[in-house]
Amino acid sequence: MKRVYRAATLLQVAHARNVLLTAGIRCELRNQYLAGALGDLPMMETWPQLLVEDADEQYALSVLARAARATTGPAWTCPVCGERLEPQFTSCWRCGAEAPPA
């Protein structure tokens, strides 16, 4: 198993886990309960982390890097309800309509 991600908060690691699972990459969450050992163990050793199979390491790293990049482009307007949305949204948060094709 190879570590592909770690962060100071479980929330950040849980989000990265969801990104990997959505991409079809099985991963294992470790150290989710080690925060109480901070001080007895080195700080970064207590951070939650994600591990993947050795064969999935490069793909997992590329998926996480792609997810970390900010989506650029113009804002768009929902064709159904007229809500103005930022480019990272692929569907309208208000009515659920899909973004028009770029």
PDB file of N, CA and C in Angstrom:
ATOM      1  N   MET A   1       0.846  -1.176   0.000  1.00  0.00           N
ATOM      2  CA  MET A   1       0.000   0.000   0.000  1.00  0.00           C
ATOM      3  C   MET A   1       0.894   1.243   0.000  1.00  0.00           C
ATOM      4  N   LYS A   2       0.447   2.259  -0.719  1.00  0.00           N
ATOM      5  CA  LYS A   2       1.191   3.516  -0.811  1.00  0.00           C
ATOM      6  C   LYS A   2       0.324   4.664  -0.302  1.00  0.00           C
ATOM      7  N   ARG A   3       0.939   5.549   0.475  1.00  0.00           N
ATOM      8  CA  ARG A   3       0.215   6.724   0.943  1.00  0.00           C
ATOM      9  C   ARG A   3       0.154   7.735  -0.186  1.00  0.00           C
ATOM     10  N   VAL A   4      -1.055   8.214  -0.497  1.00  0.00           N
ATOM     11  CA  VAL A   4      -1.216   9.208  -1.555  1.00  0.00           C
ATOM     12  C   VAL A   4      -1.711  10.547  -1.036  1.00  0.00           C
ATOM     13  N   TYR A   5      -2.159  10.592   0.220  1.00  0.00           N
ATOM     14  CA  TYR A   5      -2.687  11.853   0.745  1.00  0.00           C
ATOM     15  C   TYR A   5      -2.697  11.820   2.257  1.00  0.00           C
ATOM     16  N   ARG A   6      -2.385  12.963   2.851  1.00  0.00           N
ATOM     17  CA  ARG A   6      -2.583  13.146   4.290  1.00  0.00           C
ATOM     18  C   ARG A   6      -2.815  14.625   4.528  1.00  0.00           C
ATOM     19  N   ALA A   7      -3.568  14.918   5.569  1.00  0.00           N
ATOM     20  CA  ALA A   7      -3.890  16.308   5.898  1.00  0.00           C
ATOM     21  C   ALA A   7      -4.139  16.415   7.395  1.00  0.00           C
ATOM     22  N   ALA A   8      -4.164  17.637   7.868  1.00  0.00           N
ATOM     23  CA  ALA A   8      -4.320  17.878   9.297  1.00  0.00           C
ATOM     24  C   ALA A   8      -5.715  17.555   9.809  1.00  0.00           C
ATOM     25  N   THR A   9      -6.716  17.609   8.932  1.00  0.00           N
ATOM     26  CA  THR A   9      -8.083  17.364   9.399  1.00  0.00           C
ATOM     27  C   THR A   9      -8.704  16.167   8.691  1.00  0.00           C
ATOM     28  N   LEU A  10      -9.555  15.489   9.405  1.00  0.00           N
ATOM     29  CA  LEU A  10     -10.269  14.348   8.847  1.00  0.00           C
ATOM     30  C   LEU A  10     -11.197  14.779   7.719  1.00  0.00           C
ATOM     31  N   LEU A  11     -11.723  15.983   7.804  1.00  0.00           N
ATOM     32  CA  LEU A  11     -12.612  16.493   6.762  1.00  0.00           C
ATOM     33  C   LEU A  11     -11.905  16.559   5.410  1.00  0.00           C
ATOM     34  N   GLN A  12     -10.679  17.049   5.390  1.00  0.00           N
ATOM     35  CA  GLN A  12      -9.915  17.130   4.145  1.00  0.00           C
ATOM     36  C   GLN A  12      -9.638  15.738   3.584  1.00  0.00           C
ATOM     37  N   VAL A  13      -9.274  14.818   4.439  1.00  0.00           N
ATOM     38  CA  VAL A  13      -8.958  13.460   3.994  1.00  0.00           C
ATOM     39  C   VAL A  13     -10.223  12.744   3.520  1.00  0.00           C
ATOM     40  N   ALA A  14     -11.336  12.972   4.199  1.00  0.00           N
ATOM     41  CA  ALA A  14     -12.600  12.361   3.780  1.00  0.00           C
ATOM     42  C   ALA A  14     -13.008  12.861   2.398  1.00  0.00           C
ATOM     43  N   HIS A  15     -12.778  14.144   2.127  1.00  0.00           N
ATOM     44  CA  HIS A  15     -13.086  14.672   0.796  1.00  0.00           C
ATOM     45  C   HIS A  15     -12.201  14.007  -0.263  1.00  0.00           C
ATOM     46  N   ALA A  16     -10.913  13.904   0.013  1.00  0.00           N
ATOM     47  CA  ALA A  16      -9.996  13.245  -0.929  1.00  0.00           C
ATOM     48  C   ALA A  16     -10.403  11.793  -1.133  1.00  0.00           C
ATOM     49  N   ARG A  17     -10.837  11.135  -0.079  1.00  0.00           N
ATOM     50  CA  ARG A  17     -11.308   9.747  -0.188  1.00  0.00           C
ATOM     51  C   ARG A  17     -12.507   9.667  -1.126  1.00  0.00           C
ATOM     52  N   ASN A  18     -13.448  10.591  -0.985  1.00  0.00           N
ATOM     53  CA  ASN A  18     -14.606  10.611  -1.867  1.00  0.00           C
ATOM     54  C   ASN A  18     -14.209  10.833  -3.325  1.00  0.00           C
ATOM     55  N   VAL A  19     -13.225  11.695  -3.551  1.00  0.00           N
ATOM     56  CA  VAL A  19     -12.734  11.933  -4.911  1.00  0.00           C
ATOM     57  C   VAL A  19     -12.171  10.643  -5.497  1.00  0.00           C
ATOM     58  N   LEU A  20     -11.367   9.927  -4.707  1.00  0.00           N
ATOM     59  CA  LEU A  20     -10.778   8.676  -5.196  1.00  0.00           C
ATOM     60  C   LEU A  20     -11.840   7.611  -5.431  1.00  0.00           C
ATOM     61  N   LEU A  21     -12.779   7.478  -4.525  1.00  0.00           N
ATOM     62  CA  LEU A  21     -13.836   6.480  -4.694  1.00  0.00           C
ATOM     63  C   LEU A  21     -14.680   6.771  -5.929  1.00  0.00           C
ATOM     64  N   THR A  22     -14.951   8.039  -6.185  1.00  0.00           N
ATOM     65  CA  THR A  22     -15.710   8.424  -7.374  1.00  0.00           C
ATOM     66  C   THR A  22     -14.958   8.051  -8.642  1.00  0.00           C
ATOM     67  N   ALA A  23     -13.640   8.099  -8.597  1.00  0.00           N
ATOM     68  CA  ALA A  23     -12.811   7.726  -9.744  1.00  0.00           C
ATOM     69  C   ALA A  23     -12.617   6.212  -9.838  1.00  0.00           C
ATOM     70  N   GLY A  24     -13.211   5.466  -8.922  1.00  0.00           N
ATOM     71  CA  GLY A  24     -13.103   4.010  -8.957  1.00  0.00           C
ATOM     72  C   GLY A  24     -11.851   3.455  -8.312  1.00  0.00           C
ATOM     73  N   ILE A  25     -11.198   4.245  -7.478  1.00  0.00           N
ATOM     74  CA  ILE A  25      -9.961   3.820  -6.820  1.00  0.00           C
ATOM     75  C   ILE A  25     -10.278   3.426  -5.383  1.00  0.00           C
ATOM     76  N   ARG A  26     -10.023   2.175  -5.049  1.00  0.00           N
ATOM     77  CA  ARG A  26     -10.212   1.725  -3.666  1.00  0.00           C
ATOM     78  C   ARG A  26      -9.103   2.308  -2.807  1.00  0.00           C
ATOM     79  N   CYS A  27      -9.462   2.801  -1.635  1.00  0.00           N
ATOM     80  CA  CYS A  27      -8.457   3.381  -0.746  1.00  0.00           C
ATOM     81  C   CYS A  27      -8.797   3.048   0.701  1.00  0.00           C
ATOM     82  N   GLU A  28      -7.793   3.182   1.528  1.00  0.00           N
ATOM     83  CA  GLU A  28      -7.936   2.870   2.949  1.00  0.00           C
ATOM     84  C   GLU A  28      -7.615   4.112   3.758  1.00  0.00           C
ATOM     85  N   LEU A  29      -8.492   4.446   4.677  1.00  0.00           N
ATOM     86  CA  LEU A  29      -8.303   5.591   5.564  1.00  0.00           C
ATOM     87  C   LEU A  29      -7.617   5.102   6.837  1.00  0.00           C
ATOM     88  N   ARG A  30      -6.519   5.743   7.185  1.00  0.00           N
ATOM     89  CA  ARG A  30      -5.787   5.369   8.405  1.00  0.00           C
ATOM     90  C   ARG A  30      -5.569   6.592   9.288  1.00  0.00           C
ATOM     91  N   ASN A  31      -5.307   6.339  10.543  1.00  0.00           N
ATOM     92  CA  ASN A  31      -4.991   7.354  11.559  1.00  0.00           C
ATOM     93  C   ASN A  31      -6.161   8.282  11.880  1.00  0.00           C
ATOM     94  N   GLN A  32      -7.365   7.863  11.622  1.00  0.00           N
ATOM     95  CA  GLN A  32      -8.480   8.769  11.887  1.00  0.00           C
ATOM     96  C   GLN A  32      -8.708   9.021  13.369  1.00  0.00           C
ATOM     97  N   TYR A  33      -8.160   8.181  14.236  1.00  0.00           N
ATOM     98  CA  TYR A  33      -8.362   8.348  15.674  1.00  0.00           C
ATOM     99  C   TYR A  33      -7.087   8.699  16.433  1.00  0.00           C
ATOM    100  N   LEU A  34      -6.035   9.109  15.736  1.00  0.00           N
ATOM    101  CA  LEU A  34      -4.759   9.366  16.396  1.00  0.00           C
ATOM    102  C   LEU A  34      -4.584  10.797  16.900  1.00  0.00           C
ATOM    103  N   ALA A  35      -5.546  11.668  16.711  1.00  0.00           N
ATOM    104  CA  ALA A  35      -5.393  13.064  17.137  1.00  0.00           C
ATOM    105  C   ALA A  35      -5.089  13.162  18.633  1.00  0.00           C
ATOM    106  N   GLY A  36      -5.611  12.256  19.427  1.00  0.00           N
ATOM    107  CA  GLY A  36      -5.364  12.275  20.867  1.00  0.00           C
ATOM    108  C   GLY A  36      -3.928  11.958  21.241  1.00  0.00           C
ATOM    109  N   ALA A  37      -3.180  11.390  20.322  1.00  0.00           N
ATOM    110  CA  ALA A  37      -1.785  11.051  20.606  1.00  0.00           C
ATOM    111  C   ALA A  37      -0.831  12.178  20.244  1.00  0.00           C
ATOM    112  N   LEU A  38      -1.371  13.292  19.753  1.00  0.00           N
ATOM    113  CA  LEU A  38      -0.526  14.429  19.387  1.00  0.00           C
ATOM    114  C   LEU A  38       0.246  14.893  20.620  1.00  0.00           C
ATOM    115  N   GLY A  39       1.518  15.018  20.472  1.00  0.00           N
ATOM    116  CA  GLY A  39       2.389  15.369  21.597  1.00  0.00           C
ATOM    117  C   GLY A  39       3.237  14.178  21.995  1.00  0.00           C
ATOM    118  N   ASP A  40       2.632  13.000  22.025  1.00  0.00           N
ATOM    119  CA  ASP A  40       3.391  11.783  22.292  1.00  0.00           C
ATOM    120  C   ASP A  40       4.018  11.259  21.004  1.00  0.00           C
ATOM    121  N   LEU A  41       3.366  11.551  19.884  1.00  0.00           N
ATOM    122  CA  LEU A  41       3.862  11.159  18.557  1.00  0.00           C
ATOM    123  C   LEU A  41       4.133  12.422  17.753  1.00  0.00           C
ATOM    124  N   PRO A  42       5.004  12.351  16.756  1.00  0.00           N
ATOM    125  CA  PRO A  42       5.240  13.514  15.903  1.00  0.00           C
ATOM    126  C   PRO A  42       3.929  13.964  15.240  1.00  0.00           C
ATOM    127  N   MET A  43       3.762  15.270  15.088  1.00  0.00           N
ATOM    128  CA  MET A  43       2.519  15.845  14.603  1.00  0.00           C
ATOM    129  C   MET A  43       2.014  15.197  13.316  1.00  0.00           C
ATOM    130  N   MET A  44       2.849  15.131  12.295  1.00  0.00           N
ATOM    131  CA  MET A  44       2.386  14.628  11.002  1.00  0.00           C
ATOM    132  C   MET A  44       2.093  13.128  11.022  1.00  0.00           C
ATOM    133  N   GLU A  45       2.623  12.429  11.995  1.00  0.00           N
ATOM    134  CA  GLU A  45       2.337  10.998  12.113  1.00  0.00           C
ATOM    135  C   GLU A  45       0.936  10.743  12.658  1.00  0.00           C
ATOM    136  N   THR A  46       0.335  11.765  13.249  1.00  0.00           N
ATOM    137  CA  THR A  46      -1.018  11.609  13.786  1.00  0.00           C
ATOM    138  C   THR A  46      -2.088  12.059  12.790  1.00  0.00           C
ATOM    139  N   TRP A  47      -1.683  12.647  11.670  1.00  0.00           N
ATOM    140  CA  TRP A  47      -2.648  13.125  10.680  1.00  0.00           C
ATOM    141  C   TRP A  47      -3.331  11.953   9.975  1.00  0.00           C
ATOM    142  N   PRO A  48      -4.615  12.065   9.676  1.00  0.00           N
ATOM    143  CA  PRO A  48      -5.281  11.032   8.887  1.00  0.00           C
ATOM    144  C   PRO A  48      -4.649  10.956   7.499  1.00  0.00           C
ATOM    145  N   GLN A  49      -4.668   9.762   6.925  1.00  0.00           N
ATOM    146  CA  GLN A  49      -4.053   9.569   5.618  1.00  0.00           C
ATOM    147  C   GLN A  49      -4.801   8.537   4.787  1.00  0.00           C
ATOM    148  N   LEU A  50      -4.589   8.603   3.483  1.00  0.00           N
ATOM    149  CA  LEU A  50      -5.187   7.652   2.548  1.00  0.00           C
ATOM    150  C   LEU A  50      -4.109   6.817   1.908  1.00  0.00           C
ATOM    151  N   LEU A  51      -4.376   5.528   1.822  1.00  0.00           N
ATOM    152  CA  LEU A  51      -3.461   4.608   1.160  1.00  0.00           C
ATOM    153  C   LEU A  51      -4.203   3.885   0.052  1.00  0.00           C
ATOM    154  N   VAL A  52      -3.486   3.604  -1.033  1.00  0.00           N
ATOM    155  CA  VAL A  52      -4.052   2.862  -2.159  1.00  0.00           C
ATOM    156  C   VAL A  52      -3.119   1.702  -2.492  1.00  0.00           C
ATOM    157  N   GLU A  53      -3.611   0.787  -3.290  1.00  0.00           N
ATOM    158  CA  GLU A  53      -2.769  -0.311  -3.773  1.00  0.00           C
ATOM    159  C   GLU A  53      -1.603   0.262  -4.572  1.00  0.00           C
ATOM    160  N   ASP A  54      -0.468  -0.408  -4.556  1.00  0.00           N
ATOM    161  CA  ASP A  54       0.718   0.069  -5.263  1.00  0.00           C
ATOM    162  C   ASP A  54       0.427   0.387  -6.726  1.00  0.00           C
ATOM    163  N   ALA A  55      -0.335  -0.457  -7.392  1.00  0.00           N
ATOM    164  CA  ALA A  55      -0.627  -0.288  -8.815  1.00  0.00           C
ATOM    165  C   ALA A  55      -1.487   0.948  -9.093  1.00  0.00           C
ATOM    166  N   ASP A  56      -2.223   1.421  -8.110  1.00  0.00           N
ATOM    167  CA  ASP A  56      -3.111   2.573  -8.294  1.00  0.00           C
ATOM    168  C   ASP A  56      -2.480   3.904  -7.904  1.00  0.00           C
ATOM    169  N   GLU A  57      -1.246   3.875  -7.411  1.00  0.00           N
ATOM    170  CA  GLU A  57      -0.634   5.081  -6.859  1.00  0.00           C
ATOM    171  C   GLU A  57      -0.597   6.246  -7.853  1.00  0.00           C
ATOM    172  N   GLN A  58      -0.042   6.048  -9.032  1.00  0.00           N
ATOM    173  CA  GLN A  58       0.101   7.149  -9.989  1.00  0.00           C
ATOM    174  C   GLN A  58      -1.253   7.691 -10.447  1.00  0.00           C
ATOM    175  N   TYR A  59      -2.201   6.787 -10.691  1.00  0.00           N
ATOM    176  CA  TYR A  59      -3.531   7.224 -11.101  1.00  0.00           C
ATOM    177  C   TYR A  59      -4.193   8.016  -9.982  1.00  0.00           C
ATOM    178  N   ALA A  60      -4.078   7.548  -8.746  1.00  0.00           N
ATOM    179  CA  ALA A  60      -4.668   8.240  -7.602  1.00  0.00           C
ATOM    180  C   ALA A  60      -4.060   9.632  -7.438  1.00  0.00           C
ATOM    181  N   LEU A  61      -2.754   9.738  -7.570  1.00  0.00           N
ATOM    182  CA  LEU A  61      -2.100  11.039  -7.457  1.00  0.00           C
ATOM    183  C   LEU A  61      -2.572  11.994  -8.547  1.00  0.00           C
ATOM    184  N   SER A  62      -2.751  11.491  -9.768  1.00  0.00           N
ATOM    185  CA  SER A  62      -3.216  12.358 -10.853  1.00  0.00           C
ATOM    186  C   SER A  62      -4.668  12.785 -10.636  1.00  0.00           C
ATOM    187  N   VAL A  63      -5.498  11.896 -10.121  1.00  0.00           N
ATOM    188  CA  VAL A  63      -6.893  12.240  -9.834  1.00  0.00           C
ATOM    189  C   VAL A  63      -6.956  13.314  -8.749  1.00  0.00           C
ATOM    190  N   LEU A  64      -6.165  13.170  -7.705  1.00  0.00           N
ATOM    191  CA  LEU A  64      -6.155  14.155  -6.632  1.00  0.00           C
ATOM    192  C   LEU A  64      -5.614  15.502  -7.109  1.00  0.00           C
ATOM    193  N   ALA A  65      -4.594  15.476  -7.965  1.00  0.00           N
ATOM    194  CA  ALA A  65      -4.039  16.725  -8.499  1.00  0.00           C
ATOM    195  C   ALA A  65      -5.068  17.440  -9.368  1.00  0.00           C
ATOM    196  N   ARG A  66      -5.785  16.687 -10.183  1.00  0.00           N
ATOM    197  CA  ARG A  66      -6.826  17.277 -11.041  1.00  0.00           C
ATOM    198  C   ARG A  66      -7.942  17.891 -10.196  1.00  0.00           C
ATOM    199  N   ALA A  67      -8.312  17.213  -9.128  1.00  0.00           N
ATOM    200  CA  ALA A  67      -9.374  17.710  -8.252  1.00  0.00           C
ATOM    201  C   ALA A  67      -8.935  18.963  -7.497  1.00  0.00           C
ATOM    202  N   ALA A  68      -7.648  19.103  -7.240  1.00  0.00           N
ATOM    203  CA  ALA A  68      -7.148  20.249  -6.488  1.00  0.00           C
ATOM    204  C   ALA A  68      -7.050  21.516  -7.334  1.00  0.00           C
ATOM    205  N   ARG A  69      -6.982  21.355  -8.655  1.00  0.00           N
ATOM    206  CA  ARG A  69      -6.900  22.527  -9.520  1.00  0.00           C
ATOM    207  C   ARG A  69      -8.248  23.239  -9.562  1.00  0.00           C
ATOM    208  N   ALA A  70      -8.196  24.528  -9.472  1.00  0.00           N
ATOM    209  CA  ALA A  70      -9.429  25.319  -9.531  1.00  0.00           C
ATOM    210  C   ALA A  70     -10.000  25.288 -10.948  1.00  0.00           C
ATOM    211  N   THR A  71     -11.299  25.157 -11.033  1.00  0.00           N
ATOM    212  CA  THR A  71     -11.969  25.193 -12.324  1.00  0.00           C
ATOM    213  C   THR A  71     -11.990  26.632 -12.810  1.00  0.00           C
ATOM    214  N   THR A  72     -11.577  26.828 -14.045  1.00  0.00           N
ATOM    215  CA  THR A  72     -11.582  28.170 -14.600  1.00  0.00           C
ATOM    216  C   THR A  72     -12.627  28.263 -15.687  1.00  0.00           C
ATOM    217  N   GLY A  73     -12.937  29.444 -16.035  1.00  0.00           N
ATOM    218  CA  GLY A  73     -13.912  29.679 -17.087  1.00  0.00           C
ATOM    219  C   GLY A  73     -14.952  30.672 -16.618  1.00  0.00           C
ATOM    220  N   PRO A  74     -15.857  30.986 -17.498  1.00  0.00           N
ATOM    221  CA  PRO A  74     -16.871  31.978 -17.143  1.00  0.00           C
ATOM    222  C   PRO A  74     -17.968  31.382 -16.270  1.00  0.00           C
ATOM    223  N   ALA A  75     -18.588  32.244 -15.497  1.00  0.00           N
ATOM    224  CA  ALA A  75     -19.780  31.827 -14.750  1.00  0.00           C
ATOM    225  C   ALA A  75     -20.873  31.512 -15.770  1.00  0.00           C
ATOM    226  N   TRP A  76     -21.857  30.731 -15.360  1.00  0.00           N
ATOM    227  CA  TRP A  76     -22.945  30.395 -16.284  1.00  0.00           C
ATOM    228  C   TRP A  76     -24.287  30.627 -15.610  1.00  0.00           C
ATOM    229  N   THR A  77     -25.290  30.776 -16.430  1.00  0.00           N
ATOM    230  CA  THR A  77     -26.643  31.028 -15.942  1.00  0.00           C
ATOM    231  C   THR A  77     -27.495  29.799 -16.221  1.00  0.00           C
ATOM    232  N   CYS A  78     -28.210  29.344 -15.207  1.00  0.00           N
ATOM    233  CA  CYS A  78     -29.066  28.164 -15.344  1.00  0.00           C
ATOM    234  C   CYS A  78     -30.154  28.447 -16.378  1.00  0.00           C
ATOM    235  N   PRO A  79     -30.288  27.552 -17.364  1.00  0.00           N
ATOM    236  CA  PRO A  79     -31.305  27.763 -18.394  1.00  0.00           C
ATOM    237  C   PRO A  79     -32.736  27.568 -17.885  1.00  0.00           C
ATOM    238  N   VAL A  80     -32.897  26.947 -16.720  1.00  0.00           N
ATOM    239  CA  VAL A  80     -34.234  26.670 -16.192  1.00  0.00           C
ATOM    240  C   VAL A  80     -34.711  27.768 -15.250  1.00  0.00           C
ATOM    241  N   CYS A  81     -33.883  28.101 -14.235  1.00  0.00           N
ATOM    242  CA  CYS A  81     -34.343  29.051 -13.214  1.00  0.00           C
ATOM    243  C   CYS A  81     -33.643  30.404 -13.260  1.00  0.00           C
ATOM    244  N   GLY A  82     -32.595  30.535 -14.081  1.00  0.00           N
ATOM    245  CA  GLY A  82     -31.906  31.810 -14.214  1.00  0.00           C
ATOM    246  C   GLY A  82     -30.862  32.095 -13.141  1.00  0.00           C
ATOM    247  N   GLU A  83     -30.578  31.127 -12.270  1.00  0.00           N
ATOM    248  CA  GLU A  83     -29.573  31.308 -11.210  1.00  0.00           C
ATOM    249  C   GLU A  83     -28.192  31.456 -11.826  1.00  0.00           C
ATOM    250  N   ARG A  84     -27.386  32.386 -11.320  1.00  0.00           N
ATOM    251  CA  ARG A  84     -26.008  32.597 -11.786  1.00  0.00           C
ATOM    252  C   ARG A  84     -25.098  31.695 -10.969  1.00  0.00           C
ATOM    253  N   LEU A  85     -24.258  30.893 -11.645  1.00  0.00           N
ATOM    254  CA  LEU A  85     -23.416  29.909 -10.973  1.00  0.00           C
ATOM    255  C   LEU A  85     -21.960  30.051 -11.404  1.00  0.00           C
ATOM    256  N   GLU A  86     -21.062  29.687 -10.503  1.00  0.00           N
ATOM    257  CA  GLU A  86     -19.634  29.716 -10.795  1.00  0.00           C
ATOM    258  C   GLU A  86     -19.271  28.504 -11.661  1.00  0.00           C
ATOM    259  N   PRO A  87     -18.126  28.566 -12.359  1.00  0.00           N
ATOM    260  CA  PRO A  87     -17.800  27.530 -13.340  1.00  0.00           C
ATOM    261  C   PRO A  87     -17.583  26.126 -12.775  1.00  0.00           C
ATOM    262  N   GLN A  88     -17.261  25.993 -11.486  1.00  0.00           N
ATOM    263  CA  GLN A  88     -17.005  24.664 -10.934  1.00  0.00           C
ATOM    264  C   GLN A  88     -18.273  23.835 -10.775  1.00  0.00           C
ATOM    265  N   PHE A  89     -19.438  24.464 -10.845  1.00  0.00           N
ATOM    266  CA  PHE A  89     -20.694  23.731 -10.686  1.00  0.00           C
ATOM    267  C   PHE A  89     -21.146  23.150 -12.020  1.00  0.00           C
ATOM    268  N   THR A  90     -21.477  21.871 -12.022  1.00  0.00           N
ATOM    269  CA  THR A  90     -21.947  21.217 -13.242  1.00  0.00           C
ATOM    270  C   THR A  90     -23.457  21.099 -13.284  1.00  0.00           C
ATOM    271  N   SER A  91     -24.090  21.435 -12.180  1.00  0.00           N
ATOM    272  CA  SER A  91     -25.544  21.497 -12.150  1.00  0.00           C
ATOM    273  C   SER A  91     -25.963  22.627 -11.215  1.00  0.00           C
ATOM    274  N   CYS A  92     -27.169  23.104 -11.415  1.00  0.00           N
ATOM    275  CA  CYS A  92     -27.673  24.223 -10.639  1.00  0.00           C
ATOM    276  C   CYS A  92     -28.002  23.776  -9.215  1.00  0.00           C
ATOM    277  N   TRP A  93     -27.484  24.503  -8.235  1.00  0.00           N
ATOM    278  CA  TRP A  93     -27.737  24.155  -6.844  1.00  0.00           C
ATOM    279  C   TRP A  93     -29.178  24.462  -6.463  1.00  0.00           C
ATOM    280  N   ARG A  94     -29.813  25.340  -7.212  1.00  0.00           N
ATOM    281  CA  ARG A  94     -31.174  25.760  -6.875  1.00  0.00           C
ATOM    282  C   ARG A  94     -32.244  24.796  -7.411  1.00  0.00           C
ATOM    283  N   CYS A  95     -32.113  24.423  -8.706  1.00  0.00           N
ATOM    284  CA  CYS A  95     -33.175  23.583  -9.296  1.00  0.00           C
ATOM    285  C   CYS A  95     -32.671  22.224  -9.771  1.00  0.00           C
ATOM    286  N   GLY A  96     -31.350  22.039  -9.816  1.00  0.00           N
ATOM    287  CA  GLY A  96     -30.795  20.743 -10.209  1.00  0.00           C
ATOM    288  C   GLY A  96     -30.577  20.562 -11.699  1.00  0.00           C
ATOM    289  N   ALA A  97     -30.883  21.575 -12.501  1.00  0.00           N
ATOM    290  CA  ALA A  97     -30.686  21.465 -13.953  1.00  0.00           C
ATOM    291  C   ALA A  97     -29.198  21.376 -14.283  1.00  0.00           C
ATOM    292  N   GLU A  98     -28.874  20.642 -15.331  1.00  0.00           N
ATOM    293  CA  GLU A  98     -27.488  20.486 -15.764  1.00  0.00           C
ATOM    294  C   GLU A  98     -26.990  21.763 -16.429  1.00  0.00           C
ATOM    295  N   ALA A  99     -25.684  21.997 -16.333  1.00  0.00           N
ATOM    296  CA  ALA A  99     -25.077  23.140 -17.010  1.00  0.00           C
ATOM    297  C   ALA A  99     -25.164  22.932 -18.514  1.00  0.00           C
ATOM    298  N   PRO A 100     -25.352  24.011 -19.267  1.00  0.00           N
ATOM    299  CA  PRO A 100     -25.369  23.867 -20.730  1.00  0.00           C
ATOM    300  C   PRO A 100     -23.995  23.445 -21.231  1.00  0.00           C
ATOM    301  N   PRO A 101     -23.944  22.748 -22.357  1.00  0.00           N
ATOM    302  CA  PRO A 101     -22.635  22.328 -22.907  1.00  0.00           C
ATOM    303  C   PRO A 101     -21.759  23.541 -23.204  1.00  0.00           C
ATOM    304  N   ALA A 102     -20.460  23.381 -22.970  1.00  0.00           N
ATOM    305  CA  ALA A 102     -19.521  24.488 -23.172  1.00  0.00           C
ATOM    306  C   ALA A 102     -19.313  24.793 -24.636  1.00  0.00           C
TER     307      ALA A 102
END
